[in-house]
């Protein structure tokens, strides 16, 4: 999680969520209090147990629904609600493209300035990861060419550079946008 930018740590939050997809819940039922998961959450049932039993989000389900996030990392609908809740307050039903969510805010962590020494490792890791992601496609292309790999399946063929807007890079060079020399 990259929460550092220019020596500043963004405001963060910790919450527990139960994500239930469209196939398991109808908004009208939840709003009327007729949905089991929503009713149990509102009745004060342990959110960790609810997440383990009902959540569609495998990543947070394994942690009892707990998610730690910084501003800008969650869907806007969840972030807006999460930062408006008070500690231990339970949200109303939140609708996102992933389905419906019920969240309980555990903690708000205020933004703060960081000392370089505290942020240096995260900054280095972020820059290293960005460089790897930038160079990876060219590296794979060079390996494929060196090994004389022929891809026979049409759907597995590399994208046409003219369609993607990328020109093919030379050895060791990152891809460049079309039109850049």
C-alpha atoms as a PDB file:
ATOM      1  CA  UNK A   1       0.000   0.000   0.000  1.00  0.00           C
ATOM      2  CA  UNK A   2       1.613   3.244  -1.102  1.00  0.00           C
ATOM      3  CA  UNK A   3       0.358   5.855   1.326  1.00  0.00           C
ATOM      4  CA  UNK A   4       3.331   8.203   0.994  1.00  0.00           C
ATOM      5  CA  UNK A   5       3.577  11.056  -1.429  1.00  0.00           C
ATOM      6  CA  UNK A   6       6.144  13.804  -1.121  1.00  0.00           C
ATOM      7  CA  UNK A   7       6.880  12.975   2.515  1.00  0.00           C
ATOM      8  CA  UNK A   8       3.208  13.079   3.432  1.00  0.00           C
ATOM      9  CA  UNK A   9       1.147  10.170   4.692  1.00  0.00           C
ATOM     10  CA  UNK A  10      -2.453  10.377   3.504  1.00  0.00           C
ATOM     11  CA  UNK A  11      -5.349  10.029   5.900  1.00  0.00           C
ATOM     12  CA  UNK A  12      -6.057   6.362   6.444  1.00  0.00           C
ATOM     13  CA  UNK A  13      -8.808   4.260   7.866  1.00  0.00           C
ATOM     14  CA  UNK A  14      -9.441   0.763   9.157  1.00  0.00           C
ATOM     15  CA  UNK A  15     -12.805  -0.833   8.685  1.00  0.00           C
ATOM     16  CA  UNK A  16     -14.546  -4.157   8.615  1.00  0.00           C
ATOM     17  CA  UNK A  17     -16.770  -4.900   5.663  1.00  0.00           C
ATOM     18  CA  UNK A  18     -19.231  -7.492   4.545  1.00  0.00           C
ATOM     19  CA  UNK A  19     -19.533  -7.474   0.752  1.00  0.00           C
ATOM     20  CA  UNK A  20     -22.525  -9.258  -0.650  1.00  0.00           C
ATOM     21  CA  UNK A  21     -22.979  -9.438  -4.408  1.00  0.00           C
ATOM     22  CA  UNK A  22     -26.089  -8.690  -6.398  1.00  0.00           C
ATOM     23  CA  UNK A  23     -26.935 -12.384  -6.593  1.00  0.00           C
ATOM     24  CA  UNK A  24     -27.215 -12.740  -2.810  1.00  0.00           C
ATOM     25  CA  UNK A  25     -29.045  -9.610  -1.777  1.00  0.00           C
ATOM     26  CA  UNK A  26     -31.716  -7.332  -3.141  1.00  0.00           C
ATOM     27  CA  UNK A  27     -31.490  -3.689  -2.148  1.00  0.00           C
ATOM     28  CA  UNK A  28     -35.168  -3.485  -1.223  1.00  0.00           C
ATOM     29  CA  UNK A  29     -34.815  -6.386   1.199  1.00  0.00           C
ATOM     30  CA  UNK A  30     -31.726  -4.889   2.815  1.00  0.00           C
ATOM     31  CA  UNK A  31     -33.248  -1.440   3.187  1.00  0.00           C
ATOM     32  CA  UNK A  32     -36.371  -2.953   4.682  1.00  0.00           C
ATOM     33  CA  UNK A  33     -34.209  -4.865   7.165  1.00  0.00           C
ATOM     34  CA  UNK A  34     -35.338  -8.180   5.741  1.00  0.00           C
ATOM     35  CA  UNK A  35     -31.900  -9.317   4.560  1.00  0.00           C
ATOM     36  CA  UNK A  36     -30.167 -11.651   7.016  1.00  0.00           C
ATOM     37  CA  UNK A  37     -26.652 -10.194   6.704  1.00  0.00           C
ATOM     38  CA  UNK A  38     -27.765  -6.578   6.960  1.00  0.00           C
ATOM     39  CA  UNK A  39     -30.099  -7.367   9.849  1.00  0.00           C
ATOM     40  CA  UNK A  40     -27.385  -9.191  11.774  1.00  0.00           C
ATOM     41  CA  UNK A  41     -24.925  -6.333  11.220  1.00  0.00           C
ATOM     42  CA  UNK A  42     -27.445  -3.769  12.439  1.00  0.00           C
ATOM     43  CA  UNK A  43     -28.267  -5.940  15.463  1.00  0.00           C
ATOM     44  CA  UNK A  44     -24.620  -5.750  16.580  1.00  0.00           C
ATOM     45  CA  UNK A  45     -23.457  -9.191  15.460  1.00  0.00           C
ATOM     46  CA  UNK A  46     -19.645  -9.530  15.294  1.00  0.00           C
ATOM     47  CA  UNK A  47     -18.547  -8.119  11.924  1.00  0.00           C
ATOM     48  CA  UNK A  48     -15.596 -10.497  11.713  1.00  0.00           C
ATOM     49  CA  UNK A  49     -17.919 -13.501  11.984  1.00  0.00           C
ATOM     50  CA  UNK A  50     -20.335 -12.010   9.448  1.00  0.00           C
ATOM     51  CA  UNK A  51     -17.503 -11.395   6.983  1.00  0.00           C
ATOM     52  CA  UNK A  52     -16.236 -14.961   7.371  1.00  0.00           C
ATOM     53  CA  UNK A  53     -19.726 -16.363   6.850  1.00  0.00           C
ATOM     54  CA  UNK A  54     -21.134 -14.118   4.129  1.00  0.00           C
ATOM     55  CA  UNK A  55     -18.612 -11.812   2.408  1.00  0.00           C
ATOM     56  CA  UNK A  56     -17.849 -12.228  -1.304  1.00  0.00           C
ATOM     57  CA  UNK A  57     -14.510 -10.391  -0.918  1.00  0.00           C
ATOM     58  CA  UNK A  58     -12.096 -13.284  -0.376  1.00  0.00           C
ATOM     59  CA  UNK A  59      -9.179 -11.007   0.545  1.00  0.00           C
ATOM     60  CA  UNK A  60     -10.875  -9.187   3.391  1.00  0.00           C
ATOM     61  CA  UNK A  61     -13.029 -12.190   4.356  1.00  0.00           C
ATOM     62  CA  UNK A  62      -9.872 -14.078   5.389  1.00  0.00           C
ATOM     63  CA  UNK A  63      -9.079 -11.200   7.787  1.00  0.00           C
ATOM     64  CA  UNK A  64     -12.561 -11.088   9.253  1.00  0.00           C
ATOM     65  CA  UNK A  65     -13.532  -8.310   6.841  1.00  0.00           C
ATOM     66  CA  UNK A  66     -10.785  -5.961   8.032  1.00  0.00           C
ATOM     67  CA  UNK A  67      -9.369  -3.513   5.491  1.00  0.00           C
ATOM     68  CA  UNK A  68      -6.773  -0.787   6.038  1.00  0.00           C
ATOM     69  CA  UNK A  69      -6.725   1.854   3.321  1.00  0.00           C
ATOM     70  CA  UNK A  70      -5.564   5.366   2.483  1.00  0.00           C
ATOM     71  CA  UNK A  71      -7.580   8.053   0.732  1.00  0.00           C
ATOM     72  CA  UNK A  72      -7.903   7.250  -2.944  1.00  0.00           C
ATOM     73  CA  UNK A  73      -7.515   3.474  -2.598  1.00  0.00           C
ATOM     74  CA  UNK A  74     -11.116   2.373  -2.061  1.00  0.00           C
ATOM     75  CA  UNK A  75     -14.118   2.807  -4.372  1.00  0.00           C
ATOM     76  CA  UNK A  76     -15.341   6.395  -3.983  1.00  0.00           C
ATOM     77  CA  UNK A  77     -18.703   5.255  -2.612  1.00  0.00           C
ATOM     78  CA  UNK A  78     -17.087   3.309   0.232  1.00  0.00           C
ATOM     79  CA  UNK A  79     -14.446   5.948   0.963  1.00  0.00           C
ATOM     80  CA  UNK A  80     -16.999   8.738   1.270  1.00  0.00           C
ATOM     81  CA  UNK A  81     -19.050   6.741   3.769  1.00  0.00           C
ATOM     82  CA  UNK A  82     -16.049   5.380   5.681  1.00  0.00           C
ATOM     83  CA  UNK A  83     -14.555   8.810   6.383  1.00  0.00           C
ATOM     84  CA  UNK A  84     -17.956  10.194   7.396  1.00  0.00           C
ATOM     85  CA  UNK A  85     -18.615   7.480  10.002  1.00  0.00           C
ATOM     86  CA  UNK A  86     -17.689   7.711  13.655  1.00  0.00           C
ATOM     87  CA  UNK A  87     -15.570   4.949  15.218  1.00  0.00           C
ATOM     88  CA  UNK A  88     -17.600   1.721  15.623  1.00  0.00           C
ATOM     89  CA  UNK A  89     -20.515   3.190  13.643  1.00  0.00           C
ATOM     90  CA  UNK A  90     -22.199   0.885  11.103  1.00  0.00           C
ATOM     91  CA  UNK A  91     -23.033   2.217   7.660  1.00  0.00           C
ATOM     92  CA  UNK A  92     -26.221   1.982   5.718  1.00  0.00           C
ATOM     93  CA  UNK A  93     -26.074  -0.220   2.642  1.00  0.00           C
ATOM     94  CA  UNK A  94     -23.438   1.001   0.135  1.00  0.00           C
ATOM     95  CA  UNK A  95     -23.831   0.162  -3.554  1.00  0.00           C
ATOM     96  CA  UNK A  96     -20.729  -0.208  -5.778  1.00  0.00           C
ATOM     97  CA  UNK A  97     -19.997  -1.989  -9.038  1.00  0.00           C
ATOM     98  CA  UNK A  98     -18.814  -4.963  -6.923  1.00  0.00           C
ATOM     99  CA  UNK A  99     -22.148  -5.353  -5.171  1.00  0.00           C
ATOM    100  CA  UNK A 100     -23.480  -4.191  -1.834  1.00  0.00           C
ATOM    101  CA  UNK A 101     -21.361  -3.440   1.216  1.00  0.00           C
ATOM    102  CA  UNK A 102     -21.982  -2.915   4.893  1.00  0.00           C
ATOM    103  CA  UNK A 103     -19.062  -1.393   6.766  1.00  0.00           C
ATOM    104  CA  UNK A 104     -18.137  -0.645  10.334  1.00  0.00           C
ATOM    105  CA  UNK A 105     -15.416   1.946  10.925  1.00  0.00           C
ATOM    106  CA  UNK A 106     -12.739   0.702  13.311  1.00  0.00           C
ATOM    107  CA  UNK A 107     -10.304   3.622  13.249  1.00  0.00           C
ATOM    108  CA  UNK A 108      -9.469   6.870  11.441  1.00  0.00           C
ATOM    109  CA  UNK A 109      -5.753   7.552  11.157  1.00  0.00           C
ATOM    110  CA  UNK A 110      -5.028  11.245  10.515  1.00  0.00           C
ATOM    111  CA  UNK A 111      -2.741  12.398   7.723  1.00  0.00           C
ATOM    112  CA  UNK A 112       0.717  13.445   8.842  1.00  0.00           C
ATOM    113  CA  UNK A 113       4.114  14.564   7.617  1.00  0.00           C
ATOM    114  CA  UNK A 114       6.744  11.851   7.556  1.00  0.00           C
ATOM    115  CA  UNK A 115      10.463  12.011   8.056  1.00  0.00           C
ATOM    116  CA  UNK A 116      12.408  10.896   5.005  1.00  0.00           C
ATOM    117  CA  UNK A 117      13.954   8.022   6.965  1.00  0.00           C
ATOM    118  CA  UNK A 118      10.466   6.687   7.761  1.00  0.00           C
ATOM    119  CA  UNK A 119       9.256   6.896   4.156  1.00  0.00           C
ATOM    120  CA  UNK A 120      12.487   6.022   2.275  1.00  0.00           C
ATOM    121  CA  UNK A 121      11.871   2.266   2.020  1.00  0.00           C
ATOM    122  CA  UNK A 122       8.302   2.718   0.732  1.00  0.00           C
ATOM    123  CA  UNK A 123       9.430   5.362  -1.759  1.00  0.00           C
ATOM    124  CA  UNK A 124      12.246   3.121  -3.026  1.00  0.00           C
ATOM    125  CA  UNK A 125       9.874   0.140  -3.324  1.00  0.00           C
ATOM    126  CA  UNK A 126       7.318   2.235  -5.212  1.00  0.00           C
ATOM    127  CA  UNK A 127       9.911   3.544  -7.675  1.00  0.00           C
ATOM    128  CA  UNK A 128      11.370   0.064  -8.155  1.00  0.00           C
ATOM    129  CA  UNK A 129       7.912  -1.411  -8.809  1.00  0.00           C
ATOM    130  CA  UNK A 130       7.094   1.351 -11.317  1.00  0.00           C
ATOM    131  CA  UNK A 131      10.367   0.702 -13.186  1.00  0.00           C
ATOM    132  CA  UNK A 132       9.696  -3.045 -13.287  1.00  0.00           C
ATOM    133  CA  UNK A 133       6.160  -2.539 -14.625  1.00  0.00           C
ATOM    134  CA  UNK A 134       7.456  -0.149 -17.272  1.00  0.00           C
ATOM    135  CA  UNK A 135      10.224  -2.460 -18.487  1.00  0.00           C
ATOM    136  CA  UNK A 136       8.439  -5.807 -18.153  1.00  0.00           C
ATOM    137  CA  UNK A 137       6.669  -5.918 -21.556  1.00  0.00           C
ATOM    138  CA  UNK A 138       9.922  -5.228 -23.444  1.00  0.00           C
ATOM    139  CA  UNK A 139      11.769  -7.796 -21.336  1.00  0.00           C
ATOM    140  CA  UNK A 140       9.185 -10.490 -22.124  1.00  0.00           C
ATOM    141  CA  UNK A 141       9.333  -9.588 -25.832  1.00  0.00           C
ATOM    142  CA  UNK A 142      13.146  -9.949 -25.826  1.00  0.00           C
ATOM    143  CA  UNK A 143      12.931 -13.322 -24.047  1.00  0.00           C
ATOM    144  CA  UNK A 144      10.290 -14.532 -26.496  1.00  0.00           C
ATOM    145  CA  UNK A 145      12.414 -13.425 -29.477  1.00  0.00           C
ATOM    146  CA  UNK A 146      15.627 -14.938 -28.062  1.00  0.00           C
ATOM    147  CA  UNK A 147      13.890 -18.271 -27.477  1.00  0.00           C
ATOM    148  CA  UNK A 148      12.322 -18.243 -30.946  1.00  0.00           C
ATOM    149  CA  UNK A 149       8.879 -18.730 -29.429  1.00  0.00           C
ATOM    150  CA  UNK A 150       6.058 -18.915 -31.955  1.00  0.00           C
ATOM    151  CA  UNK A 151       2.593 -18.216 -30.561  1.00  0.00           C
ATOM    152  CA  UNK A 152       0.014 -20.175 -32.525  1.00  0.00           C
ATOM    153  CA  UNK A 153      -3.165 -19.260 -30.625  1.00  0.00           C
ATOM    154  CA  UNK A 154      -4.592 -16.061 -32.100  1.00  0.00           C
ATOM    155  CA  UNK A 155      -5.993 -14.816 -28.784  1.00  0.00           C
ATOM    156  CA  UNK A 156      -2.520 -15.105 -27.204  1.00  0.00           C
ATOM    157  CA  UNK A 157      -0.765 -13.085 -29.921  1.00  0.00           C
ATOM    158  CA  UNK A 158       0.945  -9.888 -28.706  1.00  0.00           C
ATOM    159  CA  UNK A 159      -1.061  -6.723 -29.294  1.00  0.00           C
ATOM    160  CA  UNK A 160      -0.354  -4.817 -32.514  1.00  0.00           C
ATOM    161  CA  UNK A 161       1.728  -1.760 -31.491  1.00  0.00           C
ATOM    162  CA  UNK A 162      -0.269   0.438 -33.875  1.00  0.00           C
ATOM    163  CA  UNK A 163      -3.502  -0.525 -32.047  1.00  0.00           C
ATOM    164  CA  UNK A 164      -2.107  -0.055 -28.543  1.00  0.00           C
ATOM    165  CA  UNK A 165      -0.350   3.247 -29.250  1.00  0.00           C
ATOM    166  CA  UNK A 166       3.031   1.804 -28.256  1.00  0.00           C
ATOM    167  CA  UNK A 167       6.070   1.480 -30.475  1.00  0.00           C
ATOM    168  CA  UNK A 168       8.246  -1.587 -30.070  1.00  0.00           C
ATOM    169  CA  UNK A 169      11.245  -0.730 -27.900  1.00  0.00           C
ATOM    170  CA  UNK A 170      14.849  -1.636 -28.559  1.00  0.00           C
ATOM    171  CA  UNK A 171      16.765  -3.863 -26.138  1.00  0.00           C
ATOM    172  CA  UNK A 172      16.601  -2.466 -22.617  1.00  0.00           C
ATOM    173  CA  UNK A 173      14.421   0.489 -23.587  1.00  0.00           C
ATOM    174  CA  UNK A 174      10.958   0.986 -22.138  1.00  0.00           C
ATOM    175  CA  UNK A 175       7.996   1.249 -24.535  1.00  0.00           C
ATOM    176  CA  UNK A 176       7.326   4.707 -25.932  1.00  0.00           C
ATOM    177  CA  UNK A 177       3.964   6.187 -26.903  1.00  0.00           C
ATOM    178  CA  UNK A 178       3.330   6.298 -30.645  1.00  0.00           C
ATOM    179  CA  UNK A 179       4.692   9.452 -32.236  1.00  0.00           C
ATOM    180  CA  UNK A 180       7.507   9.864 -29.688  1.00  0.00           C
ATOM    181  CA  UNK A 181      11.015   9.444 -31.114  1.00  0.00           C
END
